[in-house]
Amino acid sequence: MNKAYLIGRLASDPELRTTQGGVSVCQFRLAVSRRFANQQGVREADFFPIVAWRQLGELCARYLSKGRQCAVIGTIQNRSYDAQDGSKRYVTEIIADEVEFLGSNQDRATSAPGDPGLPPEPAAPSRSAAPAKKESGFTEIEDDELPF
């Protein structure tokens, strides 16, 4: 099984590209704090390269920015390439299957000023006078009314 679950903050702005075949791909780095502090009492972070393809990549490029918190679910993938100096380079990346944008618009405004912002959040449902229902949305019934 190959599955990675990460929650962190973007360490860089997302970069959106299009392949020669016309497929969108977005790349960014996610800073994830370690669970425990080091001997000096500092919680270090690990920086993971994230790759999101197609519509997911386009959405990440549009709504994410440096400092924004998000959750990523994906797979870990290794690849290699030949550098310009002739050496072989190895890269480990997280290929995103799901990205959840975390934090509120207010958090985003403080972490990334000048960014266009997220789409408006849905309005809270209006409360109307609903008879015979409790606040939880359930209606009480007697035990003898149960079919079992």
N, C-alpha and C. Protein backbone atom coordinates (compact mmCIF):
# COMPACT_ATOMS: atom_id res chain seq x y z
N MET A 1 0.86 -1.17 0.00
CA MET A 1 0.00 0.00 0.00
C MET A 1 0.90 1.24 0.00
N ASN A 2 0.55 2.22 -0.78
CA ASN A 2 1.32 3.46 -0.90
C ASN A 2 0.34 4.62 -0.75
N LYS A 3 0.28 5.22 0.45
CA LYS A 3 -0.65 6.31 0.71
C LYS A 3 0.01 7.28 1.68
N ALA A 4 -0.04 8.55 1.37
CA ALA A 4 0.52 9.60 2.23
C ALA A 4 -0.58 10.57 2.60
N TYR A 5 -0.65 10.91 3.89
CA TYR A 5 -1.60 11.90 4.40
C TYR A 5 -0.77 13.01 5.05
N LEU A 6 -0.87 14.22 4.54
CA LEU A 6 -0.07 15.33 5.04
C LEU A 6 -0.94 16.55 5.29
N ILE A 7 -0.65 17.26 6.36
CA ILE A 7 -1.26 18.56 6.62
C ILE A 7 -0.12 19.52 6.92
N GLY A 8 -0.10 20.63 6.20
CA GLY A 8 0.97 21.60 6.40
C GLY A 8 0.64 22.91 5.72
N ARG A 9 1.65 23.75 5.61
CA ARG A 9 1.51 25.04 4.96
C ARG A 9 2.41 25.10 3.74
N LEU A 10 1.93 25.79 2.71
CA LEU A 10 2.72 25.91 1.49
C LEU A 10 3.99 26.72 1.77
N ALA A 11 5.12 26.16 1.39
CA ALA A 11 6.41 26.82 1.57
C ALA A 11 6.75 27.69 0.36
N SER A 12 5.99 27.54 -0.70
CA SER A 12 6.21 28.33 -1.91
C SER A 12 4.88 28.45 -2.65
N ASP A 13 4.79 29.46 -3.49
CA ASP A 13 3.58 29.60 -4.31
C ASP A 13 3.52 28.44 -5.31
N PRO A 14 2.33 27.96 -5.62
CA PRO A 14 2.20 26.89 -6.61
C PRO A 14 2.64 27.36 -8.00
N GLU A 15 3.21 26.44 -8.76
CA GLU A 15 3.62 26.73 -10.14
C GLU A 15 2.80 25.84 -11.06
N LEU A 16 2.03 26.46 -11.94
CA LEU A 16 1.19 25.72 -12.89
C LEU A 16 1.88 25.70 -14.25
N ARG A 17 1.99 24.51 -14.83
CA ARG A 17 2.54 24.34 -16.17
C ARG A 17 1.57 23.51 -16.98
N THR A 18 1.82 23.44 -18.26
CA THR A 18 1.06 22.57 -19.15
C THR A 18 2.06 21.71 -19.90
N THR A 19 1.83 20.41 -19.94
CA THR A 19 2.73 19.52 -20.65
C THR A 19 2.57 19.73 -22.16
N GLN A 20 3.45 19.13 -22.94
CA GLN A 20 3.35 19.23 -24.38
C GLN A 20 2.06 18.62 -24.89
N GLY A 21 1.52 17.67 -24.12
CA GLY A 21 0.25 17.05 -24.50
C GLY A 21 -0.97 17.84 -24.04
N GLY A 22 -0.75 19.01 -23.43
CA GLY A 22 -1.86 19.87 -23.01
C GLY A 22 -2.44 19.55 -21.64
N VAL A 23 -1.73 18.77 -20.82
CA VAL A 23 -2.23 18.40 -19.49
C VAL A 23 -1.65 19.37 -18.45
N SER A 24 -2.53 19.90 -17.59
CA SER A 24 -2.10 20.82 -16.54
C SER A 24 -1.44 20.06 -15.40
N VAL A 25 -0.36 20.63 -14.87
CA VAL A 25 0.32 20.06 -13.71
C VAL A 25 0.78 21.21 -12.81
N CYS A 26 0.48 21.08 -11.52
CA CYS A 26 0.82 22.11 -10.55
C CYS A 26 1.80 21.50 -9.53
N GLN A 27 2.84 22.26 -9.19
CA GLN A 27 3.81 21.80 -8.21
C GLN A 27 3.96 22.85 -7.12
N PHE A 28 4.08 22.37 -5.86
CA PHE A 28 4.36 23.25 -4.73
C PHE A 28 5.02 22.44 -3.63
N ARG A 29 5.61 23.14 -2.68
CA ARG A 29 6.25 22.47 -1.54
C ARG A 29 5.38 22.67 -0.31
N LEU A 30 5.19 21.59 0.45
CA LEU A 30 4.38 21.63 1.66
C LEU A 30 5.28 21.43 2.86
N ALA A 31 5.26 22.39 3.79
CA ALA A 31 6.03 22.31 5.03
C ALA A 31 5.15 21.65 6.09
N VAL A 32 5.61 20.50 6.60
CA VAL A 32 4.85 19.75 7.59
C VAL A 32 5.68 19.69 8.88
N SER A 33 5.10 20.20 9.96
CA SER A 33 5.80 20.21 11.25
C SER A 33 5.95 18.80 11.77
N ARG A 34 7.10 18.55 12.38
CA ARG A 34 7.32 17.24 13.00
C ARG A 34 6.53 17.16 14.29
N ARG A 35 6.29 15.96 14.74
CA ARG A 35 5.43 15.74 15.90
C ARG A 35 6.06 16.22 17.20
N PHE A 36 7.38 16.07 17.33
CA PHE A 36 8.06 16.42 18.58
C PHE A 36 9.14 17.47 18.33
N ALA A 37 9.45 18.22 19.37
CA ALA A 37 10.51 19.23 19.29
C ALA A 37 11.87 18.56 19.41
N ASN A 38 12.90 19.23 18.85
CA ASN A 38 14.25 18.71 18.96
C ASN A 38 14.83 19.03 20.34
N GLN A 39 16.11 18.76 20.57
CA GLN A 39 16.73 18.97 21.88
C GLN A 39 16.74 20.44 22.30
N GLN A 40 16.68 21.35 21.33
CA GLN A 40 16.65 22.77 21.64
C GLN A 40 15.23 23.28 21.85
N GLY A 41 14.24 22.39 21.76
CA GLY A 41 12.85 22.77 21.97
C GLY A 41 12.16 23.33 20.74
N VAL A 42 12.78 23.18 19.57
CA VAL A 42 12.23 23.71 18.32
C VAL A 42 11.57 22.57 17.55
N ARG A 43 10.37 22.80 17.06
CA ARG A 43 9.70 21.82 16.20
C ARG A 43 10.14 22.08 14.77
N GLU A 44 10.88 21.15 14.23
CA GLU A 44 11.37 21.27 12.86
C GLU A 44 10.27 20.89 11.89
N ALA A 45 10.48 21.19 10.62
CA ALA A 45 9.51 20.85 9.58
C ALA A 45 10.22 20.10 8.46
N ASP A 46 9.47 19.25 7.81
CA ASP A 46 9.93 18.57 6.62
C ASP A 46 9.22 19.21 5.44
N PHE A 47 9.91 19.32 4.31
CA PHE A 47 9.37 19.98 3.12
C PHE A 47 9.18 18.92 2.04
N PHE A 48 7.92 18.74 1.63
CA PHE A 48 7.58 17.71 0.65
C PHE A 48 7.15 18.35 -0.66
N PRO A 49 7.75 17.92 -1.78
CA PRO A 49 7.26 18.40 -3.08
C PRO A 49 5.95 17.70 -3.43
N ILE A 50 4.94 18.49 -3.78
CA ILE A 50 3.62 17.98 -4.12
C ILE A 50 3.37 18.23 -5.61
N VAL A 51 2.80 17.25 -6.29
CA VAL A 51 2.45 17.37 -7.71
C VAL A 51 0.96 17.06 -7.85
N ALA A 52 0.21 17.99 -8.42
CA ALA A 52 -1.23 17.79 -8.66
C ALA A 52 -1.48 17.93 -10.16
N TRP A 53 -2.20 16.99 -10.72
CA TRP A 53 -2.45 16.95 -12.16
C TRP A 53 -3.86 17.41 -12.51
N ARG A 54 -4.01 17.84 -13.73
CA ARG A 54 -5.29 18.17 -14.38
C ARG A 54 -6.10 19.20 -13.58
N GLN A 55 -7.39 18.95 -13.39
CA GLN A 55 -8.27 19.94 -12.74
C GLN A 55 -7.83 20.20 -11.30
N LEU A 56 -7.37 19.17 -10.59
CA LEU A 56 -6.90 19.37 -9.23
C LEU A 56 -5.73 20.34 -9.21
N GLY A 57 -4.82 20.21 -10.15
CA GLY A 57 -3.69 21.12 -10.26
C GLY A 57 -4.12 22.54 -10.55
N GLU A 58 -5.10 22.69 -11.43
CA GLU A 58 -5.60 24.03 -11.76
C GLU A 58 -6.24 24.69 -10.55
N LEU A 59 -6.99 23.92 -9.77
CA LEU A 59 -7.61 24.46 -8.56
C LEU A 59 -6.57 24.85 -7.52
N CYS A 60 -5.54 24.02 -7.37
CA CYS A 60 -4.47 24.34 -6.42
C CYS A 60 -3.76 25.63 -6.82
N ALA A 61 -3.47 25.77 -8.10
CA ALA A 61 -2.79 26.98 -8.57
C ALA A 61 -3.66 28.22 -8.37
N ARG A 62 -4.96 28.05 -8.50
CA ARG A 62 -5.87 29.19 -8.39
C ARG A 62 -6.10 29.62 -6.95
N TYR A 63 -6.25 28.67 -6.03
CA TYR A 63 -6.68 29.00 -4.68
C TYR A 63 -5.63 28.88 -3.59
N LEU A 64 -4.48 28.29 -3.88
CA LEU A 64 -3.44 28.16 -2.88
C LEU A 64 -2.36 29.20 -3.09
N SER A 65 -1.70 29.56 -2.02
CA SER A 65 -0.56 30.48 -2.10
C SER A 65 0.36 30.20 -0.91
N LYS A 66 1.55 30.74 -0.96
CA LYS A 66 2.54 30.53 0.10
C LYS A 66 1.94 30.88 1.45
N GLY A 67 2.10 29.98 2.43
CA GLY A 67 1.60 30.20 3.77
C GLY A 67 0.22 29.60 4.02
N ARG A 68 -0.50 29.26 2.98
CA ARG A 68 -1.86 28.72 3.12
C ARG A 68 -1.77 27.28 3.62
N GLN A 69 -2.64 26.91 4.53
CA GLN A 69 -2.67 25.56 5.06
C GLN A 69 -3.55 24.66 4.20
N CYS A 70 -3.09 23.43 3.98
CA CYS A 70 -3.90 22.47 3.23
C CYS A 70 -3.56 21.05 3.66
N ALA A 71 -4.45 20.14 3.34
CA ALA A 71 -4.25 18.72 3.57
C ALA A 71 -4.12 18.05 2.21
N VAL A 72 -3.18 17.12 2.11
CA VAL A 72 -2.93 16.42 0.86
C VAL A 72 -2.99 14.92 1.12
N ILE A 73 -3.74 14.22 0.29
CA ILE A 73 -3.74 12.75 0.30
C ILE A 73 -3.22 12.33 -1.06
N GLY A 74 -2.21 11.47 -1.06
CA GLY A 74 -1.65 11.05 -2.33
C GLY A 74 -0.74 9.85 -2.18
N THR A 75 0.05 9.61 -3.21
CA THR A 75 0.98 8.50 -3.21
C THR A 75 2.40 9.04 -3.31
N ILE A 76 3.34 8.27 -2.77
CA ILE A 76 4.76 8.65 -2.81
C ILE A 76 5.35 8.03 -4.08
N GLN A 77 6.06 8.85 -4.83
CA GLN A 77 6.63 8.37 -6.09
C GLN A 77 8.08 8.81 -6.20
N ASN A 78 8.95 7.92 -6.64
CA ASN A 78 10.35 8.22 -6.90
C ASN A 78 10.57 8.30 -8.40
N ARG A 79 11.43 9.21 -8.82
CA ARG A 79 11.82 9.29 -10.22
C ARG A 79 13.26 9.79 -10.28
N SER A 80 13.87 9.62 -11.42
CA SER A 80 15.24 10.10 -11.60
C SER A 80 15.35 10.79 -12.95
N TYR A 81 16.37 11.63 -13.06
CA TYR A 81 16.64 12.31 -14.32
C TYR A 81 18.13 12.63 -14.39
N ASP A 82 18.62 12.90 -15.59
CA ASP A 82 20.02 13.26 -15.79
C ASP A 82 20.14 14.78 -15.77
N ALA A 83 20.96 15.29 -14.86
CA ALA A 83 21.16 16.73 -14.73
C ALA A 83 22.05 17.23 -15.86
N GLN A 84 22.14 18.55 -16.01
CA GLN A 84 22.95 19.15 -17.08
C GLN A 84 24.42 18.82 -16.92
N ASP A 85 24.87 18.60 -15.68
CA ASP A 85 26.28 18.27 -15.46
C ASP A 85 26.57 16.79 -15.67
N GLY A 86 25.56 16.02 -16.11
CA GLY A 86 25.76 14.61 -16.41
C GLY A 86 25.47 13.67 -15.24
N SER A 87 25.25 14.21 -14.06
CA SER A 87 24.97 13.35 -12.91
C SER A 87 23.50 12.93 -12.90
N LYS A 88 23.25 11.82 -12.25
CA LYS A 88 21.88 11.32 -12.13
C LYS A 88 21.29 11.87 -10.84
N ARG A 89 20.10 12.44 -10.94
CA ARG A 89 19.41 13.03 -9.78
C ARG A 89 18.17 12.20 -9.47
N TYR A 90 17.88 12.08 -8.19
CA TYR A 90 16.71 11.33 -7.74
C TYR A 90 15.77 12.27 -7.00
N VAL A 91 14.48 12.10 -7.24
CA VAL A 91 13.47 12.96 -6.64
C VAL A 91 12.37 12.08 -6.04
N THR A 92 11.95 12.42 -4.84
CA THR A 92 10.80 11.77 -4.22
C THR A 92 9.70 12.82 -4.10
N GLU A 93 8.51 12.52 -4.63
CA GLU A 93 7.40 13.48 -4.66
C GLU A 93 6.14 12.82 -4.14
N ILE A 94 5.20 13.65 -3.72
CA ILE A 94 3.86 13.19 -3.37
C ILE A 94 2.95 13.55 -4.54
N ILE A 95 2.35 12.55 -5.18
CA ILE A 95 1.40 12.79 -6.26
C ILE A 95 0.02 12.90 -5.62
N ALA A 96 -0.55 14.09 -5.65
CA ALA A 96 -1.80 14.36 -4.94
C ALA A 96 -2.99 13.71 -5.62
N ASP A 97 -3.78 12.99 -4.82
CA ASP A 97 -5.08 12.48 -5.27
C ASP A 97 -6.19 13.41 -4.80
N GLU A 98 -5.99 13.99 -3.60
CA GLU A 98 -6.96 14.91 -3.01
C GLU A 98 -6.20 16.04 -2.32
N VAL A 99 -6.73 17.25 -2.42
CA VAL A 99 -6.18 18.40 -1.71
C VAL A 99 -7.35 19.14 -1.08
N GLU A 100 -7.27 19.33 0.22
CA GLU A 100 -8.32 20.06 0.93
C GLU A 100 -7.74 21.39 1.39
N PHE A 101 -8.38 22.49 1.01
CA PHE A 101 -7.93 23.81 1.41
C PHE A 101 -8.41 24.06 2.83
N LEU A 102 -7.50 24.31 3.76
CA LEU A 102 -7.84 24.47 5.16
C LEU A 102 -7.74 25.93 5.58
N GLY A 103 -8.30 26.23 6.73
CA GLY A 103 -8.26 27.60 7.24
C GLY A 103 -9.37 28.42 6.62
N SER A 104 -9.59 29.56 7.20
CA SER A 104 -10.65 30.44 6.71
C SER A 104 -10.09 31.46 5.73
N ASN A 105 -10.98 32.20 5.10
CA ASN A 105 -10.55 33.27 4.21
C ASN A 105 -9.73 34.30 4.98
N GLN A 106 -10.08 34.52 6.24
CA GLN A 106 -9.35 35.48 7.08
C GLN A 106 -7.91 35.02 7.27
N ASP A 107 -7.72 33.72 7.55
CA ASP A 107 -6.38 33.17 7.70
C ASP A 107 -5.58 33.39 6.43
N ARG A 108 -6.22 33.19 5.31
CA ARG A 108 -5.55 33.34 4.03
C ARG A 108 -5.16 34.78 3.79
N ALA A 109 -6.04 35.69 4.17
CA ALA A 109 -5.76 37.11 3.95
C ALA A 109 -4.53 37.54 4.74
N THR A 110 -4.34 36.99 5.93
CA THR A 110 -3.19 37.37 6.73
C THR A 110 -1.92 36.67 6.25
N SER A 111 -2.05 35.48 5.65
CA SER A 111 -0.86 34.75 5.23
C SER A 111 -0.45 35.06 3.80
N ALA A 112 -1.36 35.56 3.00
CA ALA A 112 -1.03 35.83 1.60
C ALA A 112 -1.77 37.08 1.12
N PRO A 113 -1.29 38.28 1.51
CA PRO A 113 -2.00 39.48 1.10
C PRO A 113 -1.97 39.66 -0.41
N GLY A 114 -3.06 40.21 -0.93
CA GLY A 114 -3.12 40.50 -2.35
C GLY A 114 -3.61 39.34 -3.19
N ASP A 115 -3.87 38.19 -2.57
CA ASP A 115 -4.34 37.04 -3.32
C ASP A 115 -5.83 37.19 -3.60
N PRO A 116 -6.33 36.69 -4.70
CA PRO A 116 -7.72 36.93 -5.06
C PRO A 116 -8.75 36.32 -4.12
N GLY A 117 -8.39 35.37 -3.29
CA GLY A 117 -9.34 34.81 -2.32
C GLY A 117 -10.08 33.60 -2.85
N LEU A 118 -10.73 32.94 -1.93
CA LEU A 118 -11.50 31.74 -2.26
C LEU A 118 -12.89 32.11 -2.71
N PRO A 119 -13.59 31.18 -3.34
CA PRO A 119 -14.98 31.44 -3.68
C PRO A 119 -15.76 31.65 -2.39
N PRO A 120 -16.86 32.38 -2.45
CA PRO A 120 -17.60 32.64 -1.24
C PRO A 120 -18.08 31.35 -0.59
N GLU A 121 -18.06 31.35 0.76
CA GLU A 121 -18.53 30.19 1.49
C GLU A 121 -20.05 30.14 1.43
N PRO A 122 -20.63 28.94 1.45
CA PRO A 122 -22.08 28.86 1.41
C PRO A 122 -22.68 29.51 2.65
N ALA A 123 -23.83 30.13 2.45
CA ALA A 123 -24.49 30.79 3.56
C ALA A 123 -25.00 29.75 4.55
N ALA A 124 -25.01 30.14 5.83
CA ALA A 124 -25.52 29.25 6.86
C ALA A 124 -27.02 29.07 6.66
N PRO A 125 -27.52 27.86 6.91
CA PRO A 125 -28.96 27.65 6.73
C PRO A 125 -29.75 28.54 7.68
N SER A 126 -30.85 29.08 7.17
CA SER A 126 -31.66 29.95 8.01
C SER A 126 -32.50 29.11 8.95
N ARG A 127 -32.71 29.64 10.12
CA ARG A 127 -33.50 28.93 11.13
C ARG A 127 -34.93 29.42 11.05
N SER A 128 -35.83 28.52 10.81
CA SER A 128 -37.24 28.87 10.81
C SER A 128 -37.91 28.13 11.95
N ALA A 129 -39.07 28.55 12.29
CA ALA A 129 -39.80 27.91 13.38
C ALA A 129 -40.30 26.56 12.90
N ALA A 130 -39.61 25.49 13.26
CA ALA A 130 -40.01 24.14 12.86
C ALA A 130 -40.65 23.46 14.05
N PRO A 131 -41.93 23.15 13.99
CA PRO A 131 -42.62 22.56 15.14
C PRO A 131 -42.20 21.10 15.35
N ALA A 132 -42.21 20.67 16.60
CA ALA A 132 -42.05 19.29 17.04
C ALA A 132 -40.67 18.70 16.80
N LYS A 133 -39.67 19.52 16.45
CA LYS A 133 -38.33 18.99 16.30
C LYS A 133 -37.43 19.60 17.36
N LYS A 134 -36.55 18.79 17.88
CA LYS A 134 -35.59 19.29 18.84
C LYS A 134 -34.49 20.03 18.08
N GLU A 135 -33.61 20.72 18.81
CA GLU A 135 -32.51 21.48 18.23
C GLU A 135 -31.58 20.58 17.42
N SER A 136 -31.47 19.28 17.79
CA SER A 136 -30.56 18.37 17.08
C SER A 136 -31.11 17.93 15.74
N GLY A 137 -32.37 18.21 15.46
CA GLY A 137 -32.95 17.80 14.19
C GLY A 137 -33.69 16.47 14.26
N PHE A 138 -33.70 15.82 15.43
CA PHE A 138 -34.38 14.55 15.60
C PHE A 138 -35.74 14.77 16.26
N THR A 139 -36.69 13.91 15.93
CA THR A 139 -38.00 13.94 16.55
C THR A 139 -38.09 12.77 17.53
N GLU A 140 -38.53 13.04 18.74
CA GLU A 140 -38.63 11.98 19.73
C GLU A 140 -39.82 11.08 19.42
N ILE A 141 -39.61 9.75 19.62
CA ILE A 141 -40.69 8.79 19.46
C ILE A 141 -40.69 7.88 20.67
N GLU A 142 -41.80 7.22 20.92
CA GLU A 142 -41.94 6.29 22.04
C GLU A 142 -41.30 4.95 21.68
N ASP A 143 -40.84 4.22 22.71
CA ASP A 143 -40.21 2.93 22.49
C ASP A 143 -41.17 1.93 21.83
N ASP A 144 -42.46 1.98 22.17
CA ASP A 144 -43.40 1.01 21.60
C ASP A 144 -43.69 1.28 20.12
N GLU A 145 -43.22 2.39 19.58
CA GLU A 145 -43.39 2.69 18.16
C GLU A 145 -42.26 2.10 17.32
N LEU A 146 -41.22 1.59 17.95
CA LEU A 146 -40.08 1.02 17.22
C LEU A 146 -40.44 -0.33 16.64
N PRO A 147 -40.00 -0.66 15.43
CA PRO A 147 -40.38 -1.92 14.78
C PRO A 147 -39.56 -3.11 15.27
N PHE A 148 -38.65 -2.95 16.20
CA PHE A 148 -37.84 -4.08 16.66
C PHE A 148 -37.86 -4.20 18.15
